[in-house]
N, C-alpha and C. Protein backbone atom coordinates (compact mmCIF):
# COMPACT_ATOMS: atom_id res chain seq x y z
N UNK A 1 267.98 -132.90 256.63
CA UNK A 1 268.51 -131.73 257.31
C UNK A 1 267.51 -130.43 256.84
N UNK A 2 267.20 -129.80 258.07
CA UNK A 2 265.97 -128.77 257.77
C UNK A 2 267.12 -127.37 257.59
N UNK A 3 266.72 -126.76 256.48
CA UNK A 3 267.14 -125.67 256.11
C UNK A 3 266.60 -124.35 256.62
N UNK A 4 267.50 -123.54 257.44
CA UNK A 4 267.34 -122.64 258.29
C UNK A 4 267.43 -121.42 257.46
N UNK A 5 266.28 -120.70 257.67
CA UNK A 5 266.86 -118.89 257.11
C UNK A 5 267.48 -118.09 258.18
N UNK A 6 268.53 -117.23 257.41
CA UNK A 6 269.24 -116.40 258.07
C UNK A 6 268.91 -115.14 257.65
N UNK A 7 268.00 -114.46 258.66
CA UNK A 7 267.65 -113.11 258.05
C UNK A 7 268.15 -111.97 259.08
N UNK A 8 268.75 -112.33 260.15
CA UNK A 8 269.69 -111.61 260.82
C UNK A 8 270.84 -111.35 260.74
N UNK A 9 271.13 -109.92 260.45
CA UNK A 9 272.33 -109.34 259.94
C UNK A 9 273.71 -109.64 261.00
N UNK A 10 273.07 -109.98 262.14
CA UNK A 10 274.05 -110.15 263.10
C UNK A 10 274.65 -111.46 262.88
N UNK A 11 274.07 -112.27 262.54
CA UNK A 11 274.73 -113.88 262.24
C UNK A 11 275.53 -113.71 261.02
N UNK A 12 275.44 -112.68 260.14
CA UNK A 12 276.04 -112.69 259.10
C UNK A 12 277.35 -111.92 259.35
N UNK A 13 277.53 -111.08 260.44
CA UNK A 13 278.64 -110.34 261.05
C UNK A 13 279.37 -111.24 261.85
N UNK A 14 278.78 -112.13 262.60
CA UNK A 14 279.25 -112.96 263.49
C UNK A 14 280.37 -113.95 262.75
N UNK A 15 279.47 -114.57 261.68
CA UNK A 15 280.15 -115.33 260.72
C UNK A 15 281.40 -115.06 260.30
N UNK A 16 281.17 -113.46 259.72
CA UNK A 16 282.39 -113.03 259.13
C UNK A 16 283.47 -112.71 260.09
N UNK A 17 283.08 -112.45 261.39
CA UNK A 17 284.43 -111.94 262.26
C UNK A 17 284.91 -113.12 262.65
N UNK A 18 284.19 -114.40 262.83
CA UNK A 18 285.01 -115.75 263.35
C UNK A 18 285.81 -116.37 261.99
N UNK A 19 285.35 -116.11 260.49
CA UNK A 19 286.13 -116.26 259.82
C UNK A 19 287.48 -115.83 259.51
N UNK A 20 287.32 -114.07 259.92
CA UNK A 20 288.38 -113.73 259.78
C UNK A 20 289.66 -114.01 260.78
N UNK A 21 289.29 -114.13 262.15
CA UNK A 21 289.97 -114.85 263.32
C UNK A 21 290.45 -115.98 263.10
N UNK A 22 289.61 -116.98 262.55
CA UNK A 22 290.34 -118.34 262.12
C UNK A 22 291.16 -118.23 261.24
N UNK A 23 290.95 -117.55 259.99
CA UNK A 23 291.70 -117.25 258.88
C UNK A 23 293.00 -116.71 259.43
N UNK A 24 293.20 -115.67 260.36
CA UNK A 24 294.55 -115.45 260.64
C UNK A 24 295.28 -116.15 261.42
N UNK A 25 294.59 -116.94 262.30
CA UNK A 25 295.27 -117.96 263.16
C UNK A 25 295.96 -119.10 262.44
N UNK A 26 295.15 -119.63 261.23
CA UNK A 26 295.79 -120.54 260.34
C UNK A 26 296.95 -120.22 259.80
N UNK A 27 296.82 -118.76 259.34
CA UNK A 27 298.25 -118.18 258.64
C UNK A 27 299.49 -118.27 259.45
N UNK A 28 299.08 -117.79 260.75
CA UNK A 28 300.13 -117.60 261.73
C UNK A 28 300.51 -119.13 262.28
N UNK A 29 299.67 -120.03 262.18
CA UNK A 29 300.14 -121.41 262.63
C UNK A 29 301.09 -122.02 261.40
N UNK A 30 300.82 -121.77 260.14
CA UNK A 30 301.54 -121.96 258.84
C UNK A 30 303.00 -121.24 258.93
N UNK A 31 303.09 -119.85 259.32
CA UNK A 31 304.05 -119.47 259.39
C UNK A 31 305.09 -119.88 260.38
N UNK A 32 304.56 -120.34 261.67
CA UNK A 32 305.58 -121.17 262.74
C UNK A 32 305.92 -122.18 262.17
N UNK A 33 304.96 -123.51 261.55
CA UNK A 33 305.56 -124.57 261.13
C UNK A 33 306.59 -124.50 259.86
N UNK A 34 306.63 -123.40 259.24
CA UNK A 34 307.74 -123.13 258.16
C UNK A 34 308.88 -122.81 258.98
N UNK A 35 308.78 -121.84 259.94
CA UNK A 35 309.85 -121.28 260.84
C UNK A 35 310.47 -122.54 261.27
N UNK A 36 309.66 -123.44 261.86
CA UNK A 36 310.34 -124.55 262.40
C UNK A 36 310.65 -126.05 261.75
N UNK A 37 310.46 -125.68 260.30
CA UNK A 37 310.77 -126.85 259.74
C UNK A 37 309.90 -127.75 259.50
N UNK A 38 308.77 -127.38 259.77
CA UNK A 38 307.57 -128.50 259.61
C UNK A 38 306.82 -128.10 258.31
N UNK A 39 306.11 -129.38 257.85
CA UNK A 39 305.46 -129.23 256.56
C UNK A 39 303.85 -128.74 256.89
N UNK A 40 303.24 -128.09 256.18
CA UNK A 40 301.96 -127.64 256.17
C UNK A 40 301.29 -128.50 255.16
N UNK A 41 300.11 -129.19 255.77
CA UNK A 41 299.50 -130.08 254.89
C UNK A 41 298.10 -129.51 254.77
N UNK A 42 297.66 -129.89 253.67
CA UNK A 42 296.15 -129.36 253.07
C UNK A 42 295.51 -130.60 252.02
N UNK A 43 294.45 -130.60 251.81
CA UNK A 43 293.75 -131.65 251.03
C UNK A 43 292.79 -130.94 249.92
N UNK A 44 293.26 -131.82 248.75
CA UNK A 44 292.34 -131.44 247.17
C UNK A 44 291.59 -132.49 246.89
N UNK A 45 290.42 -132.57 246.72
CA UNK A 45 289.76 -133.46 246.64
C UNK A 45 289.87 -135.11 247.16
N UNK A 46 289.87 -134.76 248.45
CA UNK A 46 290.30 -135.92 249.28
C UNK A 46 291.58 -136.58 249.41
N UNK A 47 292.52 -135.88 249.11
CA UNK A 47 293.93 -136.40 248.85
C UNK A 47 294.88 -135.38 249.66
N UNK A 48 295.40 -135.82 250.35
CA UNK A 48 296.50 -135.27 251.46
C UNK A 48 297.77 -134.85 250.55
N UNK A 49 298.25 -133.53 250.80
CA UNK A 49 299.25 -132.97 250.28
C UNK A 49 300.03 -132.39 251.39
N UNK A 50 301.43 -132.17 251.02
CA UNK A 50 302.28 -131.64 252.18
C UNK A 50 303.04 -130.35 251.14
N UNK A 51 303.00 -129.05 252.10
CA UNK A 51 304.08 -128.07 251.38
C UNK A 51 305.45 -128.16 252.62
N UNK A 52 306.45 -128.30 251.78
CA UNK A 52 307.69 -128.63 252.72
C UNK A 52 308.19 -127.06 252.94
N UNK A 53 309.00 -126.88 254.14
CA UNK A 53 309.31 -125.51 254.20
C UNK A 53 309.93 -124.77 252.82
N UNK A 54 310.87 -125.58 252.15
CA UNK A 54 311.14 -124.79 251.15
C UNK A 54 310.55 -124.74 250.04
N UNK A 55 308.91 -125.04 249.89
CA UNK A 55 307.94 -124.55 248.94
C UNK A 55 307.55 -125.71 248.21
N UNK A 56 308.26 -126.72 248.26
CA UNK A 56 307.98 -127.98 247.67
C UNK A 56 306.73 -128.58 247.95
N UNK A 57 305.93 -129.27 247.30
CA UNK A 57 304.57 -129.93 247.19
C UNK A 57 304.94 -131.22 246.77
N UNK A 58 304.49 -132.33 247.97
CA UNK A 58 304.60 -133.63 247.77
C UNK A 58 303.19 -134.11 248.40
N UNK A 59 303.10 -135.46 247.94
CA UNK A 59 302.02 -136.34 248.62
C UNK A 59 302.10 -137.26 249.59
N UNK A 60 303.68 -137.22 249.46
CA UNK A 60 304.36 -138.36 250.80
C UNK A 60 304.48 -137.31 252.07
N UNK A 61 304.15 -138.16 253.21
CA UNK A 61 304.00 -137.51 254.49
C UNK A 61 305.52 -137.39 254.91
N UNK A 62 306.34 -136.51 254.97
CA UNK A 62 307.58 -136.07 255.34
C UNK A 62 307.96 -136.40 256.72
N UNK A 63 306.89 -136.77 257.50
CA UNK A 63 307.18 -137.06 258.91
C UNK A 63 307.15 -138.46 259.25
N UNK A 64 306.60 -139.10 258.34
CA UNK A 64 306.46 -140.58 258.29
C UNK A 64 307.96 -141.30 257.89
N UNK A 65 308.45 -142.16 258.68
CA UNK A 65 309.58 -142.60 258.35
C UNK A 65 309.49 -143.79 257.38
N UNK A 66 308.32 -144.60 256.95
CA UNK A 66 308.35 -145.42 256.19
C UNK A 66 307.52 -145.27 254.77
N UNK A 67 307.92 -143.86 254.04
CA UNK A 67 307.46 -143.57 252.69
C UNK A 67 307.60 -144.39 251.79
């Protein structure tokens, strides 16, 4: 893979803008999930975890019936 030089300040500004927009969207989606009683999932070192609406964290998928 060829490494590209990013010397244009506009490129960094765009990256910061989109990072901010996407971060806000993820935060909002997590809030909506919690309000609707759905877990939020995340991955650490390749392992999936779920944060339940009550704040508990588990590695068992709460939406899957055969845990």
